[in-house]
Amino acid sequence: MDTHGLIAEARRQDRAALDEQAGKQLLNAYGLTVPKSVRVSGAAEVSAVFEQLKAPVVIKVVSPDILHKSDAGGVRVNIGSPAEATAAIKAMMASPAISASRVDGFLIEEMAPAGQEMVIGGVRDPQFGPLVMVGLGGIFVEVLADVAFRICPIEQRDAEEMLDELKGAAILKGARGRKPVSREAILDALLRVGGEGGLLMNHADDIQEADINPLIVSEVGAVAVDARFVLTKA
């Protein structure tokens, strides 16, 4: 896949960020697993989608004007049937924040298996260039700011040290009765994003901010459930 073409197309459309579908195509091109998904233009198309995807599914609005979909009422989870999907899309369209925005369609995707929420991100620093970040999701990143940063490109040792620095690192090993998750899957995702030849290095001039949140990590792998890429100003 021509990943530079994805970004060029977003710029041609005068977008400040990649839409979620394009963002996940970018991740997939660098070897990260993303949920199977189908994009529809409206409620009339949802019946056919359930022949292609396994329920339950998630439905997300696709709009160049909405960067934080949940805040705008643009995310519905645990949708189990075409009727529920139709109702969910109609409810989204009635939301003031969505009805006032340009809507390019709706992304319907299979829900990821249960696991530990992680966050992998990046930012383009004016002095140091691309930086990569990792943290545990939920309250750990939102309230405790439990994250670790490194200058790109990182190597395996850097990725290992980043995970070890996290205050909640023991959770990954199965603390308090939790199942341990795949440390190898997190390290692999970190290197694909921030390593030599990784996403942030290859697109250092185009990506201002990257946010893979959450990355759902299980005992056997990791799935990037949401992706946001803010572009540098041309």
C-alpha atoms as a PDB file:
ATOM      1  CA  MET A   1       0.000   0.000   0.000  1.00  0.00           C
ATOM      2  CA  ASP A   2       1.147   3.528  -0.810  1.00  0.00           C
ATOM      3  CA  THR A   3       0.975   4.988   2.703  1.00  0.00           C
ATOM      4  CA  HIS A   4       2.245   8.368   1.523  1.00  0.00           C
ATOM      5  CA  GLY A   5      -0.668   8.372  -0.914  1.00  0.00           C
ATOM      6  CA  LEU A   6      -3.125   8.006   1.989  1.00  0.00           C
ATOM      7  CA  ILE A   7      -1.735  11.159   3.556  1.00  0.00           C
ATOM      8  CA  ALA A   8      -1.563  13.003   0.241  1.00  0.00           C
ATOM      9  CA  GLU A   9      -5.241  12.225  -0.362  1.00  0.00           C
ATOM     10  CA  ALA A  10      -6.177  13.600   3.067  1.00  0.00           C
ATOM     11  CA  ARG A  11      -4.263  16.790   2.273  1.00  0.00           C
ATOM     12  CA  ARG A  12      -6.026  17.087  -1.096  1.00  0.00           C
ATOM     13  CA  GLN A  13      -9.311  16.945   0.805  1.00  0.00           C
ATOM     14  CA  ASP A  14      -8.015  19.681   3.126  1.00  0.00           C
ATOM     15  CA  ARG A  15      -8.213  17.424   6.182  1.00  0.00           C
ATOM     16  CA  ALA A  16      -6.304  18.184   9.352  1.00  0.00           C
ATOM     17  CA  ALA A  17      -6.229  14.477  10.244  1.00  0.00           C
ATOM     18  CA  LEU A  18      -6.697  11.069   8.662  1.00  0.00           C
ATOM     19  CA  ASP A  19     -10.157   9.635   9.090  1.00  0.00           C
ATOM     20  CA  GLU A  20     -10.279   6.449  11.140  1.00  0.00           C
ATOM     21  CA  GLN A  21     -10.521   4.121   8.177  1.00  0.00           C
ATOM     22  CA  ALA A  22      -7.439   5.671   6.550  1.00  0.00           C
ATOM     23  CA  GLY A  23      -5.632   5.642   9.895  1.00  0.00           C
ATOM     24  CA  LYS A  24      -6.240   1.929  10.273  1.00  0.00           C
ATOM     25  CA  GLN A  25      -5.126   1.286   6.722  1.00  0.00           C
ATOM     26  CA  LEU A  26      -1.902   3.062   7.655  1.00  0.00           C
ATOM     27  CA  LEU A  27      -1.475   0.875  10.743  1.00  0.00           C
ATOM     28  CA  ASN A  28      -2.235  -2.289   8.791  1.00  0.00           C
ATOM     29  CA  ALA A  29       0.381  -1.348   6.198  1.00  0.00           C
ATOM     30  CA  TYR A  30       2.963  -1.359   9.002  1.00  0.00           C
ATOM     31  CA  GLY A  31       1.887  -4.765  10.251  1.00  0.00           C
ATOM     32  CA  LEU A  32      -0.434  -3.846  13.119  1.00  0.00           C
ATOM     33  CA  THR A  33      -3.658  -5.822  13.436  1.00  0.00           C
ATOM     34  CA  VAL A  34      -6.892  -3.841  13.098  1.00  0.00           C
ATOM     35  CA  PRO A  35     -10.519  -5.025  13.320  1.00  0.00           C
ATOM     36  CA  LYS A  36     -12.296  -6.148  10.175  1.00  0.00           C
ATOM     37  CA  SER A  37     -14.546  -3.303   9.079  1.00  0.00           C
ATOM     38  CA  VAL A  38     -16.900  -2.021   6.400  1.00  0.00           C
ATOM     39  CA  ARG A  39     -17.742   1.602   5.672  1.00  0.00           C
ATOM     40  CA  VAL A  40     -21.317   2.534   4.768  1.00  0.00           C
ATOM     41  CA  SER A  41     -22.919   5.794   3.751  1.00  0.00           C
ATOM     42  CA  GLY A  42     -26.065   5.331   5.823  1.00  0.00           C
ATOM     43  CA  ALA A  43     -28.557   3.073   7.572  1.00  0.00           C
ATOM     44  CA  ALA A  44     -29.897   1.573   4.343  1.00  0.00           C
ATOM     45  CA  GLU A  45     -26.680  -0.389   3.802  1.00  0.00           C
ATOM     46  CA  VAL A  46     -26.327  -2.093   7.185  1.00  0.00           C
ATOM     47  CA  SER A  47     -28.121  -5.366   6.422  1.00  0.00           C
ATOM     48  CA  ALA A  48     -25.492  -6.410   3.898  1.00  0.00           C
ATOM     49  CA  VAL A  49     -22.724  -5.587   6.375  1.00  0.00           C
ATOM     50  CA  PHE A  50     -23.873  -8.249   8.831  1.00  0.00           C
ATOM     51  CA  GLU A  51     -23.289 -10.856   6.115  1.00  0.00           C
ATOM     52  CA  GLN A  52     -19.601  -9.816   6.048  1.00  0.00           C
ATOM     53  CA  LEU A  53     -18.854  -9.142   9.722  1.00  0.00           C
ATOM     54  CA  LYS A  54     -19.316 -11.114  12.932  1.00  0.00           C
ATOM     55  CA  ALA A  55     -21.589  -9.549  15.542  1.00  0.00           C
ATOM     56  CA  PRO A  56     -21.348  -7.800  17.878  1.00  0.00           C
ATOM     57  CA  VAL A  57     -20.010  -4.773  16.037  1.00  0.00           C
ATOM     58  CA  VAL A  58     -19.062  -1.189  16.781  1.00  0.00           C
ATOM     59  CA  ILE A  59     -20.386   1.718  14.734  1.00  0.00           C
ATOM     60  CA  LYS A  60     -18.437   4.980  14.463  1.00  0.00           C
ATOM     61  CA  VAL A  61     -19.237   8.165  12.601  1.00  0.00           C
ATOM     62  CA  VAL A  62     -16.737   9.277   9.953  1.00  0.00           C
ATOM     63  CA  SER A  63     -16.508  13.062   9.728  1.00  0.00           C
ATOM     64  CA  PRO A  64     -13.698  15.515   8.927  1.00  0.00           C
ATOM     65  CA  ASP A  65     -15.226  17.876  11.487  1.00  0.00           C
ATOM     66  CA  ILE A  66     -15.242  15.411  14.415  1.00  0.00           C
ATOM     67  CA  LEU A  67     -11.889  14.401  15.894  1.00  0.00           C
ATOM     68  CA  HIS A  68     -13.213  12.963  19.176  1.00  0.00           C
ATOM     69  CA  LYS A  69     -16.107  10.733  18.128  1.00  0.00           C
ATOM     70  CA  SER A  70     -17.180   9.590  21.600  1.00  0.00           C
ATOM     71  CA  ASP A  71     -17.600  13.164  22.837  1.00  0.00           C
ATOM     72  CA  ALA A  72     -19.889  13.890  19.892  1.00  0.00           C
ATOM     73  CA  GLY A  73     -22.052  10.795  20.455  1.00  0.00           C
ATOM     74  CA  GLY A  74     -20.537   9.144  17.398  1.00  0.00           C
ATOM     75  CA  VAL A  75     -19.718   5.709  18.795  1.00  0.00           C
ATOM     76  CA  ARG A  76     -22.070   2.799  19.528  1.00  0.00           C
ATOM     77  CA  VAL A  77     -20.823  -0.568  20.826  1.00  0.00           C
ATOM     78  CA  ASN A  78     -22.229  -4.084  21.219  1.00  0.00           C
ATOM     79  CA  ILE A  79     -24.522  -3.792  18.201  1.00  0.00           C
ATOM     80  CA  GLY A  80     -25.878  -7.258  17.504  1.00  0.00           C
ATOM     81  CA  SER A  81     -28.315  -6.954  14.590  1.00  0.00           C
ATOM     82  CA  PRO A  82     -29.149  -4.870  11.504  1.00  0.00           C
ATOM     83  CA  ALA A  83     -32.121  -3.372  13.356  1.00  0.00           C
ATOM     84  CA  GLU A  84     -29.902  -2.210  16.211  1.00  0.00           C
ATOM     85  CA  ALA A  85     -27.384  -0.832  13.720  1.00  0.00           C
ATOM     86  CA  THR A  86     -30.056   1.107  11.859  1.00  0.00           C
ATOM     87  CA  ALA A  87     -31.371   2.591  15.098  1.00  0.00           C
ATOM     88  CA  ALA A  88     -27.841   3.473  16.218  1.00  0.00           C
ATOM     89  CA  ILE A  89     -27.032   5.347  13.006  1.00  0.00           C
ATOM     90  CA  LYS A  90     -30.321   7.250  13.132  1.00  0.00           C
ATOM     91  CA  ALA A  91     -29.640   8.206  16.749  1.00  0.00           C
ATOM     92  CA  MET A  92     -26.170   9.431  15.833  1.00  0.00           C
ATOM     93  CA  MET A  93     -27.536  11.570  13.005  1.00  0.00           C
ATOM     94  CA  ALA A  94     -29.932  13.177  15.482  1.00  0.00           C
ATOM     95  CA  SER A  95     -27.058  14.182  17.764  1.00  0.00           C
ATOM     96  CA  PRO A  96     -26.540  17.985  17.575  1.00  0.00           C
ATOM     97  CA  ALA A  97     -22.760  17.681  17.206  1.00  0.00           C
ATOM     98  CA  ILE A  98     -23.117  15.224  14.328  1.00  0.00           C
ATOM     99  CA  SER A  99     -26.059  16.811  12.546  1.00  0.00           C
ATOM    100  CA  ALA A 100     -24.094  20.075  12.413  1.00  0.00           C
ATOM    101  CA  SER A 101     -21.049  18.371  10.881  1.00  0.00           C
ATOM    102  CA  ARG A 102     -20.093  16.962   7.508  1.00  0.00           C
ATOM    103  CA  VAL A 103     -20.617  13.190   7.614  1.00  0.00           C
ATOM    104  CA  ASP A 104     -18.739  10.946   5.176  1.00  0.00           C
ATOM    105  CA  GLY A 105     -20.337   7.755   6.408  1.00  0.00           C
ATOM    106  CA  PHE A 106     -20.136   5.226   9.216  1.00  0.00           C
ATOM    107  CA  LEU A 107     -17.453   2.671   9.991  1.00  0.00           C
ATOM    108  CA  ILE A 108     -18.867  -0.665  11.153  1.00  0.00           C
ATOM    109  CA  GLU A 109     -16.287  -3.030  12.609  1.00  0.00           C
ATOM    110  CA  GLU A 110     -16.060  -6.247  14.553  1.00  0.00           C
ATOM    111  CA  MET A 111     -15.456  -5.826  18.279  1.00  0.00           C
ATOM    112  CA  ALA A 112     -11.980  -6.840  19.428  1.00  0.00           C
ATOM    113  CA  PRO A 113     -11.542  -9.687  21.935  1.00  0.00           C
ATOM    114  CA  ALA A 114     -11.301  -8.693  25.586  1.00  0.00           C
ATOM    115  CA  GLY A 115      -7.886  -7.754  26.929  1.00  0.00           C
ATOM    116  CA  GLN A 116      -5.773  -5.056  28.547  1.00  0.00           C
ATOM    117  CA  GLU A 117      -6.116  -1.575  27.102  1.00  0.00           C
ATOM    118  CA  MET A 118      -2.817   0.017  26.096  1.00  0.00           C
ATOM    119  CA  VAL A 119      -1.999   3.300  24.397  1.00  0.00           C
ATOM    120  CA  ILE A 120       0.735   3.826  21.821  1.00  0.00           C
ATOM    121  CA  GLY A 121       1.233   7.329  20.536  1.00  0.00           C
ATOM    122  CA  GLY A 122       3.636   9.719  18.971  1.00  0.00           C
ATOM    123  CA  VAL A 123       4.361  13.393  18.543  1.00  0.00           C
ATOM    124  CA  ARG A 124       6.659  15.376  16.289  1.00  0.00           C
ATOM    125  CA  ASP A 125       8.911  17.477  18.502  1.00  0.00           C
ATOM    126  CA  PRO A 126      10.410  20.568  16.800  1.00  0.00           C
ATOM    127  CA  GLN A 127      13.838  19.838  18.288  1.00  0.00           C
ATOM    128  CA  PHE A 128      14.059  16.052  18.546  1.00  0.00           C
ATOM    129  CA  GLY A 129      11.762  14.940  15.733  1.00  0.00           C
ATOM    130  CA  PRO A 130       9.406  11.979  16.211  1.00  0.00           C
ATOM    131  CA  LEU A 131       8.843  10.706  19.750  1.00  0.00           C
ATOM    132  CA  VAL A 132       7.020   7.472  20.561  1.00  0.00           C
ATOM    133  CA  MET A 133       4.955   6.887  23.703  1.00  0.00           C
ATOM    134  CA  VAL A 134       3.426   3.881  25.447  1.00  0.00           C
ATOM    135  CA  GLY A 135       1.139   3.605  28.449  1.00  0.00           C
ATOM    136  CA  LEU A 136      -1.601   1.539  30.016  1.00  0.00           C
ATOM    137  CA  GLY A 137      -5.068   2.651  28.979  1.00  0.00           C
ATOM    138  CA  GLY A 138      -8.030   3.887  30.976  1.00  0.00           C
ATOM    139  CA  ILE A 139      -7.346   5.610  34.280  1.00  0.00           C
ATOM    140  CA  PHE A 140      -3.600   4.961  33.983  1.00  0.00           C
ATOM    141  CA  VAL A 141      -3.182   7.354  31.079  1.00  0.00           C
ATOM    142  CA  GLU A 142      -6.118   9.681  31.742  1.00  0.00           C
ATOM    143  CA  VAL A 143      -5.571  10.349  35.454  1.00  0.00           C
ATOM    144  CA  LEU A 144      -2.172   8.974  36.425  1.00  0.00           C
ATOM    145  CA  ALA A 145      -0.341   9.927  33.197  1.00  0.00           C
ATOM    146  CA  ASP A 146       1.507   6.607  33.464  1.00  0.00           C
ATOM    147  CA  VAL A 147       3.419   6.783  30.177  1.00  0.00           C
ATOM    148  CA  ALA A 148       6.957   6.447  28.846  1.00  0.00           C
ATOM    149  CA  PHE A 149       8.524   8.342  25.918  1.00  0.00           C
ATOM    150  CA  ARG A 150      11.574   7.777  23.703  1.00  0.00           C
ATOM    151  CA  ILE A 151      13.106   9.575  20.736  1.00  0.00           C
ATOM    152  CA  CYS A 152      12.651   7.623  17.503  1.00  0.00           C
ATOM    153  CA  PRO A 153      13.928   5.349  16.180  1.00  0.00           C
ATOM    154  CA  ILE A 154      13.775   2.954  19.100  1.00  0.00           C
ATOM    155  CA  GLU A 155      15.339  -0.492  19.324  1.00  0.00           C
ATOM    156  CA  GLN A 156      14.182  -3.631  21.133  1.00  0.00           C
ATOM    157  CA  ARG A 157      16.014  -2.618  24.325  1.00  0.00           C
ATOM    158  CA  ASP A 158      14.332   0.800  24.311  1.00  0.00           C
ATOM    159  CA  ALA A 159      10.897  -0.772  23.924  1.00  0.00           C
ATOM    160  CA  GLU A 160      11.616  -3.172  26.807  1.00  0.00           C
ATOM    161  CA  GLU A 161      12.731  -0.303  29.043  1.00  0.00           C
ATOM    162  CA  MET A 162       9.621   1.734  28.191  1.00  0.00           C
ATOM    163  CA  LEU A 163       7.325  -1.033  29.401  1.00  0.00           C
ATOM    164  CA  ASP A 164       9.409  -1.600  32.534  1.00  0.00           C
ATOM    165  CA  GLU A 165       9.157   2.104  33.428  1.00  0.00           C
ATOM    166  CA  LEU A 166       5.362   2.041  33.653  1.00  0.00           C
ATOM    167  CA  LYS A 167       3.982   2.167  37.193  1.00  0.00           C
ATOM    168  CA  GLY A 168       1.319  -0.333  36.175  1.00  0.00           C
ATOM    169  CA  ALA A 169       3.772  -2.712  34.498  1.00  0.00           C
ATOM    170  CA  ALA A 170       2.862  -5.532  36.904  1.00  0.00           C
ATOM    171  CA  ILE A 171      -0.657  -5.596  35.460  1.00  0.00           C
ATOM    172  CA  LEU A 172       0.752  -6.857  32.176  1.00  0.00           C
ATOM    173  CA  LYS A 173       2.153  -9.876  34.011  1.00  0.00           C
ATOM    174  CA  GLY A 174      -1.203 -10.793  35.536  1.00  0.00           C
ATOM    175  CA  ALA A 175      -1.302  -8.914  38.854  1.00  0.00           C
ATOM    176  CA  ARG A 176      -4.374  -9.208  41.119  1.00  0.00           C
ATOM    177  CA  GLY A 177      -5.824 -12.223  39.405  1.00  0.00           C
ATOM    178  CA  ARG A 178      -5.735 -10.798  35.907  1.00  0.00           C
ATOM    179  CA  LYS A 179      -4.578 -12.903  32.992  1.00  0.00           C
ATOM    180  CA  PRO A 180      -1.113 -11.976  31.755  1.00  0.00           C
ATOM    181  CA  VAL A 181      -1.020 -10.370  28.325  1.00  0.00           C
ATOM    182  CA  SER A 182       1.459 -10.751  25.489  1.00  0.00           C
ATOM    183  CA  ARG A 183       4.433  -8.513  26.234  1.00  0.00           C
ATOM    184  CA  GLU A 184       5.857  -9.553  22.870  1.00  0.00           C
ATOM    185  CA  ALA A 185       2.797  -8.180  21.047  1.00  0.00           C
ATOM    186  CA  ILE A 186       3.192  -4.777  22.729  1.00  0.00           C
ATOM    187  CA  LEU A 187       6.913  -4.652  21.955  1.00  0.00           C
ATOM    188  CA  ASP A 188       6.236  -5.595  18.345  1.00  0.00           C
ATOM    189  CA  ALA A 189       3.631  -2.836  17.987  1.00  0.00           C
ATOM    190  CA  LEU A 190       5.985  -0.286  19.580  1.00  0.00           C
ATOM    191  CA  LEU A 191       8.774  -1.130  17.138  1.00  0.00           C
ATOM    192  CA  ARG A 192       6.446  -1.051  14.138  1.00  0.00           C
ATOM    193  CA  VAL A 193       5.359   2.442  15.160  1.00  0.00           C
ATOM    194  CA  GLY A 194       8.587   3.932  16.535  1.00  0.00           C
ATOM    195  CA  GLY A 195      11.409   1.721  15.285  1.00  0.00           C
ATOM    196  CA  GLU A 196      13.818   2.148  12.389  1.00  0.00           C
ATOM    197  CA  GLY A 197      11.712   2.107   9.237  1.00  0.00           C
ATOM    198  CA  GLY A 198       8.581   2.352  11.362  1.00  0.00           C
ATOM    199  CA  LEU A 199       5.499   4.457  10.859  1.00  0.00           C
ATOM    200  CA  LEU A 200       6.666   7.554  12.728  1.00  0.00           C
ATOM    201  CA  MET A 201      10.082   7.610  11.084  1.00  0.00           C
ATOM    202  CA  ASN A 202       8.793   7.068   7.551  1.00  0.00           C
ATOM    203  CA  HIS A 203       6.155   9.780   7.989  1.00  0.00           C
ATOM    204  CA  ALA A 204       8.125  12.173  10.188  1.00  0.00           C
ATOM    205  CA  ASP A 205       7.318  15.156   7.972  1.00  0.00           C
ATOM    206  CA  ASP A 206       3.589  14.449   7.785  1.00  0.00           C
ATOM    207  CA  ILE A 207       2.401  13.246  11.212  1.00  0.00           C
ATOM    208  CA  GLN A 208       2.205  15.769  14.043  1.00  0.00           C
ATOM    209  CA  GLU A 209       0.405  13.492  16.508  1.00  0.00           C
ATOM    210  CA  ALA A 210      -0.410   9.783  16.548  1.00  0.00           C
ATOM    211  CA  ASP A 211      -2.764   8.106  18.986  1.00  0.00           C
ATOM    212  CA  ILE A 212      -3.541   4.384  18.962  1.00  0.00           C
ATOM    213  CA  ASN A 213      -6.019   4.248  21.807  1.00  0.00           C
ATOM    214  CA  PRO A 214      -6.876   1.655  22.753  1.00  0.00           C
ATOM    215  CA  LEU A 215      -4.575  -1.105  21.636  1.00  0.00           C
ATOM    216  CA  ILE A 216      -6.308  -4.173  23.099  1.00  0.00           C
ATOM    217  CA  VAL A 217      -3.716  -6.741  24.178  1.00  0.00           C
ATOM    218  CA  SER A 218      -4.645 -10.331  24.991  1.00  0.00           C
ATOM    219  CA  GLU A 219      -2.580 -13.389  25.860  1.00  0.00           C
ATOM    220  CA  VAL A 220      -1.893 -14.015  22.186  1.00  0.00           C
ATOM    221  CA  GLY A 221      -1.789 -10.677  20.368  1.00  0.00           C
ATOM    222  CA  ALA A 222      -2.822  -7.048  20.047  1.00  0.00           C
ATOM    223  CA  VAL A 223      -5.530  -5.254  18.055  1.00  0.00           C
ATOM    224  CA  ALA A 224      -5.556  -1.513  17.337  1.00  0.00           C
ATOM    225  CA  VAL A 225      -9.186  -0.595  18.021  1.00  0.00           C
ATOM    226  CA  ASP A 226      -8.966   3.160  17.427  1.00  0.00           C
ATOM    227  CA  ALA A 227      -6.449   5.304  15.585  1.00  0.00           C
ATOM    228  CA  ARG A 228      -6.008   9.061  15.230  1.00  0.00           C
ATOM    229  CA  PHE A 229      -3.346  10.773  13.143  1.00  0.00           C
ATOM    230  CA  VAL A 230      -3.109  14.568  13.136  1.00  0.00           C
ATOM    231  CA  LEU A 231      -1.172  15.877  10.162  1.00  0.00           C
ATOM    232  CA  THR A 232       1.492  18.544  10.175  1.00  0.00           C
ATOM    233  CA  LYS A 233       0.486  21.852   8.658  1.00  0.00           C
ATOM    234  CA  ALA A 234       1.510  22.024   5.018  1.00  0.00           C
END
